[in-house]
Amino acid sequence: ARLPFSGDEARRVARYGVHSTLLLAGEASEDALQGMDWRRVAVLHVAAHALVDPESQTGTALALTPSGTSDGFMSPGRS
C-alpha cells in the first residue's frame, strides 16, 4: 500500500536543498537511484516502505517502484 502523505513529505524536504532532485511515485525506482550521480548527493531522504531482516543485511531492502529490469527492492547487498 502507498504511504499516505509521503509525497507531501518529500516535497517539503526537497525545499531545503539547493539543488534537490525529487522522485515521486513511479519515478522513485531502483533503476533511478542506481543511475544517479552520487558524487553530487550530500543528503538522501527516502519516504518509502522497508523490509527489515534482522538476520541479514542482504534481506533488508527499500521498497521502491519496480521496472522492467528490477524488482524494486533495493538492498545494501545488491548493486
PDB file of N, CA and C in Angstrom:
ATOM      1  N   ALA A   1       0.834  -1.190   0.000  1.00  0.00           N
ATOM      2  CA  ALA A   1       0.000   0.000   0.000  1.00  0.00           C
ATOM      3  C   ALA A   1       0.877   1.252   0.000  1.00  0.00           C
ATOM      4  N   ARG A   2       0.391   2.283  -0.643  1.00  0.00           N
ATOM      5  CA  ARG A   2       1.119   3.551  -0.685  1.00  0.00           C
ATOM      6  C   ARG A   2       1.140   4.186   0.706  1.00  0.00           C
ATOM      7  N   LEU A   3       2.177   4.926   0.972  1.00  0.00           N
ATOM      8  CA  LEU A   3       2.279   5.651   2.237  1.00  0.00           C
ATOM      9  C   LEU A   3       1.530   6.977   2.109  1.00  0.00           C
ATOM     10  N   PRO A   4       0.510   7.187   2.939  1.00  0.00           N
ATOM     11  CA  PRO A   4      -0.211   8.452   2.839  1.00  0.00           C
ATOM     12  C   PRO A   4       0.705   9.622   3.196  1.00  0.00           C
ATOM     13  N   PHE A   5       0.607  10.665   2.424  1.00  0.00           N
ATOM     14  CA  PHE A   5       1.346  11.907   2.654  1.00  0.00           C
ATOM     15  C   PHE A   5       2.855  11.812   2.403  1.00  0.00           C
ATOM     16  N   SER A   6       3.340  10.692   1.869  1.00  0.00           N
ATOM     17  CA  SER A   6       4.784  10.590   1.612  1.00  0.00           C
ATOM     18  C   SER A   6       5.215  11.572   0.526  1.00  0.00           C
ATOM     19  N   GLY A   7       4.365  11.828  -0.454  1.00  0.00           N
ATOM     20  CA  GLY A   7       4.691  12.812  -1.493  1.00  0.00           C
ATOM     21  C   GLY A   7       4.799  14.208  -0.911  1.00  0.00           C
ATOM     22  N   ASP A   8       3.864  14.553  -0.023  1.00  0.00           N
ATOM     23  CA  ASP A   8       3.928  15.864   0.647  1.00  0.00           C
ATOM     24  C   ASP A   8       5.205  15.977   1.472  1.00  0.00           C
ATOM     25  N   GLU A   9       5.547  14.910   2.179  1.00  0.00           N
ATOM     26  CA  GLU A   9       6.766  14.894   2.991  1.00  0.00           C
ATOM     27  C   GLU A   9       7.994  15.118   2.103  1.00  0.00           C
ATOM     28  N   ALA A  10       8.076  14.397   1.008  1.00  0.00           N
ATOM     29  CA  ALA A  10       9.227  14.512   0.112  1.00  0.00           C
ATOM     30  C   ALA A  10       9.331  15.927  -0.469  1.00  0.00           C
ATOM     31  N   ARG A  11       8.214  16.505  -0.844  1.00  0.00           N
ATOM     32  CA  ARG A  11       8.233  17.873  -1.382  1.00  0.00           C
ATOM     33  C   ARG A  11       8.740  18.869  -0.341  1.00  0.00           C
ATOM     34  N   ARG A  12       8.287  18.719   0.909  1.00  0.00           N
ATOM     35  CA  ARG A  12       8.743  19.627   1.974  1.00  0.00           C
ATOM     36  C   ARG A  12      10.244  19.492   2.201  1.00  0.00           C
ATOM     37  N   VAL A  13      10.742  18.274   2.238  1.00  0.00           N
ATOM     38  CA  VAL A  13      12.171  18.049   2.468  1.00  0.00           C
ATOM     39  C   VAL A  13      12.988  18.601   1.301  1.00  0.00           C
ATOM     40  N   ALA A  14      12.502  18.424   0.070  1.00  0.00           N
ATOM     41  CA  ALA A  14      13.234  18.891  -1.117  1.00  0.00           C
ATOM     42  C   ALA A  14      13.434  20.399  -1.109  1.00  0.00           C
ATOM     43  N   ARG A  15      12.539  21.133  -0.467  1.00  0.00           N
ATOM     44  CA  ARG A  15      12.679  22.598  -0.414  1.00  0.00           C
ATOM     45  C   ARG A  15      13.912  23.040   0.361  1.00  0.00           C
ATOM     46  N   TYR A  16      14.457  22.170   1.207  1.00  0.00           N
ATOM     47  CA  TYR A  16      15.639  22.531   1.994  1.00  0.00           C
ATOM     48  C   TYR A  16      16.924  22.453   1.182  1.00  0.00           C
ATOM     49  N   GLY A  17      16.923  21.713   0.098  1.00  0.00           N
ATOM     50  CA  GLY A  17      18.127  21.545  -0.702  1.00  0.00           C
ATOM     51  C   GLY A  17      18.303  22.659  -1.710  1.00  0.00           C
ATOM     52  N   VAL A  18      19.543  22.979  -1.999  1.00  0.00           N
ATOM     53  CA  VAL A  18      19.848  23.988  -3.005  1.00  0.00           C
ATOM     54  C   VAL A  18      19.595  23.421  -4.397  1.00  0.00           C
ATOM     55  N   HIS A  19      20.036  22.195  -4.631  1.00  0.00           N
ATOM     56  CA  HIS A  19      19.862  21.516  -5.915  1.00  0.00           C
ATOM     57  C   HIS A  19      19.205  20.162  -5.647  1.00  0.00           C
ATOM     58  N   SER A  20      17.942  20.158  -5.332  1.00  0.00           N
ATOM     59  CA  SER A  20      17.238  18.923  -4.982  1.00  0.00           C
ATOM     60  C   SER A  20      16.751  18.188  -6.217  1.00  0.00           C
ATOM     61  N   THR A  21      16.773  16.874  -6.130  1.00  0.00           N
ATOM     62  CA  THR A  21      16.154  16.016  -7.129  1.00  0.00           C
ATOM     63  C   THR A  21      15.013  15.315  -6.422  1.00  0.00           C
ATOM     64  N   LEU A  22      13.819  15.495  -6.908  1.00  0.00           N
ATOM     65  CA  LEU A  22      12.633  14.936  -6.275  1.00  0.00           C
ATOM     66  C   LEU A  22      12.071  13.829  -7.159  1.00  0.00           C
ATOM     67  N   LEU A  23      12.024  12.626  -6.631  1.00  0.00           N
ATOM     68  CA  LEU A  23      11.478  11.482  -7.355  1.00  0.00           C
ATOM     69  C   LEU A  23      10.235  11.005  -6.614  1.00  0.00           C
ATOM     70  N   LEU A  24       9.094  11.066  -7.288  1.00  0.00           N
ATOM     71  CA  LEU A  24       7.826  10.685  -6.675  1.00  0.00           C
ATOM     72  C   LEU A  24       7.204   9.505  -7.406  1.00  0.00           C
ATOM     73  N   ALA A  25       6.474   8.684  -6.658  1.00  0.00           N
ATOM     74  CA  ALA A  25       5.695   7.568  -7.200  1.00  0.00           C
ATOM     75  C   ALA A  25       6.542   6.720  -8.149  1.00  0.00           C
ATOM     76  N   GLY A  26       6.139   6.582  -9.402  1.00  0.00           N
ATOM     77  CA  GLY A  26       6.828   5.735 -10.362  1.00  0.00           C
ATOM     78  C   GLY A  26       8.247   6.162 -10.685  1.00  0.00           C
ATOM     79  N   GLU A  27       8.571   7.430 -10.410  1.00  0.00           N
ATOM     80  CA  GLU A  27       9.943   7.917 -10.637  1.00  0.00           C
ATOM     81  C   GLU A  27      10.909   7.369  -9.594  1.00  0.00           C
ATOM     82  N   ALA A  28      10.408   7.025  -8.422  1.00  0.00           N
ATOM     83  CA  ALA A  28      11.243   6.565  -7.310  1.00  0.00           C
ATOM     84  C   ALA A  28      11.508   5.072  -7.452  1.00  0.00           C
ATOM     85  N   SER A  29      12.371   4.750  -8.402  1.00  0.00           N
ATOM     86  CA  SER A  29      12.649   3.346  -8.698  1.00  0.00           C
ATOM     87  C   SER A  29      14.087   2.991  -8.336  1.00  0.00           C
ATOM     88  N   GLU A  30      14.313   1.702  -8.242  1.00  0.00           N
ATOM     89  CA  GLU A  30      15.663   1.191  -8.014  1.00  0.00           C
ATOM     90  C   GLU A  30      16.577   1.642  -9.158  1.00  0.00           C
ATOM     91  N   ASP A  31      16.085   1.573 -10.388  1.00  0.00           N
ATOM     92  CA  ASP A  31      16.878   1.998 -11.547  1.00  0.00           C
ATOM     93  C   ASP A  31      17.263   3.466 -11.438  1.00  0.00           C
ATOM     94  N   ALA A  32      16.336   4.322 -11.005  1.00  0.00           N
ATOM     95  CA  ALA A  32      16.619   5.760 -10.879  1.00  0.00           C
ATOM     96  C   ALA A  32      17.714   6.013  -9.846  1.00  0.00           C
ATOM     97  N   LEU A  33      17.646   5.335  -8.720  1.00  0.00           N
ATOM     98  CA  LEU A  33      18.678   5.526  -7.693  1.00  0.00           C
ATOM     99  C   LEU A  33      20.031   5.002  -8.147  1.00  0.00           C
ATOM    100  N   GLN A  34      20.028   3.876  -8.822  1.00  0.00           N
ATOM    101  CA  GLN A  34      21.298   3.320  -9.297  1.00  0.00           C
ATOM    102  C   GLN A  34      21.907   4.168 -10.407  1.00  0.00           C
ATOM    103  N   GLY A  35      21.092   4.934 -11.120  1.00  0.00           N
ATOM    104  CA  GLY A  35      21.584   5.766 -12.206  1.00  0.00           C
ATOM    105  C   GLY A  35      21.995   7.172 -11.786  1.00  0.00           C
ATOM    106  N   MET A  36      21.854   7.491 -10.508  1.00  0.00           N
ATOM    107  CA  MET A  36      22.180   8.840 -10.034  1.00  0.00           C
ATOM    108  C   MET A  36      23.683   9.057  -9.948  1.00  0.00           C
ATOM    109  N   ASP A  37      24.104  10.310 -10.099  1.00  0.00           N
ATOM    110  CA  ASP A  37      25.494  10.695  -9.888  1.00  0.00           C
ATOM    111  C   ASP A  37      25.654  10.993  -8.395  1.00  0.00           C
ATOM    112  N   TRP A  38      26.096  10.010  -7.648  1.00  0.00           N
ATOM    113  CA  TRP A  38      26.163  10.104  -6.191  1.00  0.00           C
ATOM    114  C   TRP A  38      27.234  11.069  -5.701  1.00  0.00           C
ATOM    115  N   ARG A  39      28.118  11.514  -6.569  1.00  0.00           N
ATOM    116  CA  ARG A  39      29.132  12.496  -6.160  1.00  0.00           C
ATOM    117  C   ARG A  39      28.495  13.829  -5.821  1.00  0.00           C
ATOM    118  N   ARG A  40      27.287  14.077  -6.321  1.00  0.00           N
ATOM    119  CA  ARG A  40      26.596  15.352  -6.091  1.00  0.00           C
ATOM    120  C   ARG A  40      25.571  15.263  -4.962  1.00  0.00           C
ATOM    121  N   VAL A  41      25.461  14.108  -4.313  1.00  0.00           N
ATOM    122  CA  VAL A  41      24.442  13.904  -3.277  1.00  0.00           C
ATOM    123  C   VAL A  41      25.073  14.076  -1.900  1.00  0.00           C
ATOM    124  N   ALA A  42      24.543  15.018  -1.133  1.00  0.00           N
ATOM    125  CA  ALA A  42      25.002  15.217   0.239  1.00  0.00           C
ATOM    126  C   ALA A  42      24.033  14.575   1.225  1.00  0.00           C
ATOM    127  N   VAL A  43      22.747  14.615   0.903  1.00  0.00           N
ATOM    128  CA  VAL A  43      21.712  14.067   1.783  1.00  0.00           C
ATOM    129  C   VAL A  43      20.704  13.307   0.919  1.00  0.00           C
ATOM    130  N   LEU A  44      20.337  12.131   1.384  1.00  0.00           N
ATOM    131  CA  LEU A  44      19.295  11.350   0.716  1.00  0.00           C
ATOM    132  C   LEU A  44      18.156  11.144   1.707  1.00  0.00           C
ATOM    133  N   HIS A  45      16.966  11.541   1.319  1.00  0.00           N
ATOM    134  CA  HIS A  45      15.774  11.341   2.146  1.00  0.00           C
ATOM    135  C   HIS A  45      14.855  10.401   1.376  1.00  0.00           C
ATOM    136  N   VAL A  46      14.466   9.300   1.999  1.00  0.00           N
ATOM    137  CA  VAL A  46      13.591   8.333   1.348  1.00  0.00           C
ATOM    138  C   VAL A  46      12.328   8.181   2.189  1.00  0.00           C
ATOM    139  N   ALA A  47      11.192   8.388   1.568  1.00  0.00           N
ATOM    140  CA  ALA A  47       9.897   8.170   2.224  1.00  0.00           C
ATOM    141  C   ALA A  47       9.274   6.950   1.548  1.00  0.00           C
ATOM    142  N   ALA A  48       9.611   5.776   2.047  1.00  0.00           N
ATOM    143  CA  ALA A  48       9.162   4.527   1.420  1.00  0.00           C
ATOM    144  C   ALA A  48       9.053   3.436   2.469  1.00  0.00           C
ATOM    145  N   HIS A  49       8.420   2.354   2.084  1.00  0.00           N
ATOM    146  CA  HIS A  49       8.395   1.176   2.945  1.00  0.00           C
ATOM    147  C   HIS A  49       9.772   0.519   2.920  1.00  0.00           C
ATOM    148  N   ALA A  50      10.064  -0.233   3.955  1.00  0.00           N
ATOM    149  CA  ALA A  50      11.302  -1.005   4.006  1.00  0.00           C
ATOM    150  C   ALA A  50      10.983  -2.395   4.549  1.00  0.00           C
ATOM    151  N   LEU A  51      11.737  -3.352   4.082  1.00  0.00           N
ATOM    152  CA  LEU A  51      11.676  -4.709   4.609  1.00  0.00           C
ATOM    153  C   LEU A  51      12.944  -4.909   5.417  1.00  0.00           C
ATOM    154  N   VAL A  52      12.816  -5.349   6.663  1.00  0.00           N
ATOM    155  CA  VAL A  52      13.975  -5.495   7.529  1.00  0.00           C
ATOM    156  C   VAL A  52      14.135  -6.956   7.906  1.00  0.00           C
ATOM    157  N   ASP A  53      15.310  -7.491   7.615  1.00  0.00           N
ATOM    158  CA  ASP A  53      15.666  -8.853   8.005  1.00  0.00           C
ATOM    159  C   ASP A  53      16.697  -8.740   9.129  1.00  0.00           C
ATOM    160  N   PRO A  54      16.328  -9.038  10.362  1.00  0.00           N
ATOM    161  CA  PRO A  54      17.267  -8.879  11.474  1.00  0.00           C
ATOM    162  C   PRO A  54      18.462  -9.827  11.397  1.00  0.00           C
ATOM    163  N   GLU A  55      18.386 -10.825  10.542  1.00  0.00           N
ATOM    164  CA  GLU A  55      19.461 -11.808  10.421  1.00  0.00           C
ATOM    165  C   GLU A  55      20.469 -11.479   9.320  1.00  0.00           C
ATOM    166  N   SER A  56      20.085 -10.620   8.361  1.00  0.00           N
ATOM    167  CA  SER A  56      20.941 -10.419   7.201  1.00  0.00           C
ATOM    168  C   SER A  56      20.727  -9.046   6.570  1.00  0.00           C
ATOM    169  N   GLN A  57      21.824  -8.372   6.267  1.00  0.00           N
ATOM    170  CA  GLN A  57      21.710  -7.097   5.554  1.00  0.00           C
ATOM    171  C   GLN A  57      21.143  -7.305   4.163  1.00  0.00           C
ATOM    172  N   THR A  58      21.493  -8.400   3.513  1.00  0.00           N
ATOM    173  CA  THR A  58      21.037  -8.620   2.146  1.00  0.00           C
ATOM    174  C   THR A  58      19.544  -8.905   2.083  1.00  0.00           C
ATOM    175  N   GLY A  59      18.933  -9.261   3.211  1.00  0.00           N
ATOM    176  CA  GLY A  59      17.495  -9.476   3.251  1.00  0.00           C
ATOM    177  C   GLY A  59      16.722  -8.217   3.589  1.00  0.00           C
ATOM    178  N   THR A  60      17.435  -7.131   3.898  1.00  0.00           N
ATOM    179  CA  THR A  60      16.827  -5.842   4.204  1.00  0.00           C
ATOM    180  C   THR A  60      16.801  -5.000   2.937  1.00  0.00           C
ATOM    181  N   ALA A  61      15.676  -4.340   2.677  1.00  0.00           N
ATOM    182  CA  ALA A  61      15.577  -3.594   1.421  1.00  0.00           C
ATOM    183  C   ALA A  61      14.588  -2.443   1.528  1.00  0.00           C
ATOM    184  N   LEU A  62      14.815  -1.418   0.712  1.00  0.00           N
ATOM    185  CA  LEU A  62      13.832  -0.357   0.500  1.00  0.00           C
ATOM    186  C   LEU A  62      12.870  -0.847  -0.574  1.00  0.00           C
ATOM    187  N   ALA A  63      11.591  -0.599  -0.379  1.00  0.00           N
ATOM    188  CA  ALA A  63      10.585  -0.987  -1.374  1.00  0.00           C
ATOM    189  C   ALA A  63      10.311   0.203  -2.280  1.00  0.00           C
ATOM    190  N   LEU A  64      10.874   0.159  -3.483  1.00  0.00           N
ATOM    191  CA  LEU A  64      10.732   1.233  -4.455  1.00  0.00           C
ATOM    192  C   LEU A  64       9.860   0.756  -5.615  1.00  0.00           C
ATOM    193  N   THR A  65       9.753   1.546  -6.651  1.00  0.00           N
ATOM    194  CA  THR A  65       8.946   1.185  -7.805  1.00  0.00           C
ATOM    195  C   THR A  65       9.684   0.168  -8.666  1.00  0.00           C
ATOM    196  N   PRO A  66       9.058  -0.965  -8.984  1.00  0.00           N
ATOM    197  CA  PRO A  66       9.710  -1.936  -9.864  1.00  0.00           C
ATOM    198  C   PRO A  66       9.732  -1.436 -11.308  1.00  0.00           C
ATOM    199  N   SER A  67      10.603  -2.030 -12.098  1.00  0.00           N
ATOM    200  CA  SER A  67      10.684  -1.684 -13.518  1.00  0.00           C
ATOM    201  C   SER A  67      10.901  -2.966 -14.309  1.00  0.00           C
ATOM    202  N   GLY A  68      11.126  -2.824 -15.588  1.00  0.00           N
ATOM    203  CA  GLY A  68      11.380  -3.991 -16.419  1.00  0.00           C
ATOM    204  C   GLY A  68      12.702  -4.666 -16.117  1.00  0.00           C
ATOM    205  N   THR A  69      13.623  -3.949 -15.466  1.00  0.00           N
ATOM    206  CA  THR A  69      14.943  -4.515 -15.174  1.00  0.00           C
ATOM    207  C   THR A  69      15.197  -4.751 -13.698  1.00  0.00           C
ATOM    208  N   SER A  70      14.282  -4.342 -12.818  1.00  0.00           N
ATOM    209  CA  SER A  70      14.490  -4.548 -11.384  1.00  0.00           C
ATOM    210  C   SER A  70      13.163  -4.826 -10.675  1.00  0.00           C
ATOM    211  N   ASP A  71      13.260  -5.520  -9.543  1.00  0.00           N
ATOM    212  CA  ASP A  71      12.054  -5.856  -8.784  1.00  0.00           C
ATOM    213  C   ASP A  71      11.622  -4.725  -7.855  1.00  0.00           C
ATOM    214  N   GLY A  72      12.450  -3.684  -7.720  1.00  0.00           N
ATOM    215  CA  GLY A  72      12.104  -2.544  -6.882  1.00  0.00           C
ATOM    216  C   GLY A  72      12.583  -2.652  -5.443  1.00  0.00           C
ATOM    217  N   PHE A  73      13.164  -3.777  -5.071  1.00  0.00           N
ATOM    218  CA  PHE A  73      13.670  -3.950  -3.707  1.00  0.00           C
ATOM    219  C   PHE A  73      15.168  -3.695  -3.710  1.00  0.00           C
ATOM    220  N   MET A  74      15.571  -2.537  -3.174  1.00  0.00           N
ATOM    221  CA  MET A  74      16.975  -2.143  -3.172  1.00  0.00           C
ATOM    222  C   MET A  74      17.581  -2.438  -1.808  1.00  0.00           C
ATOM    223  N   SER A  75      18.593  -3.292  -1.805  1.00  0.00           N
ATOM    224  CA  SER A  75      19.230  -3.675  -0.540  1.00  0.00           C
ATOM    225  C   SER A  75      20.716  -3.366  -0.595  1.00  0.00           C
ATOM    226  N   PRO A  76      21.373  -3.292   0.552  1.00  0.00           N
ATOM    227  CA  PRO A  76      22.798  -2.973   0.560  1.00  0.00           C
ATOM    228  C   PRO A  76      23.646  -4.097  -0.031  1.00  0.00           C
ATOM    229  N   GLY A  77      23.115  -5.288  -0.105  1.00  0.00           N
ATOM    230  CA  GLY A  77      23.884  -6.423  -0.627  1.00  0.00           C
ATOM    231  C   GLY A  77      23.775  -6.603  -2.115  1.00  0.00           C
ATOM    232  N   ARG A  78      23.003  -5.740  -2.797  1.00  0.00           N
ATOM    233  CA  ARG A  78      22.812  -5.876  -4.245  1.00  0.00           C
ATOM    234  C   ARG A  78      23.216  -4.591  -4.937  1.00  0.00           C
ATOM    235  N   SER A  79      23.689  -4.709  -6.141  1.00  0.00           N
ATOM    236  CA  SER A  79      24.024  -3.497  -6.907  1.00  0.00           C
ATOM    237  C   SER A  79      23.267  -3.508  -8.218  1.00  0.00           C
TER     238      SER A  79
END
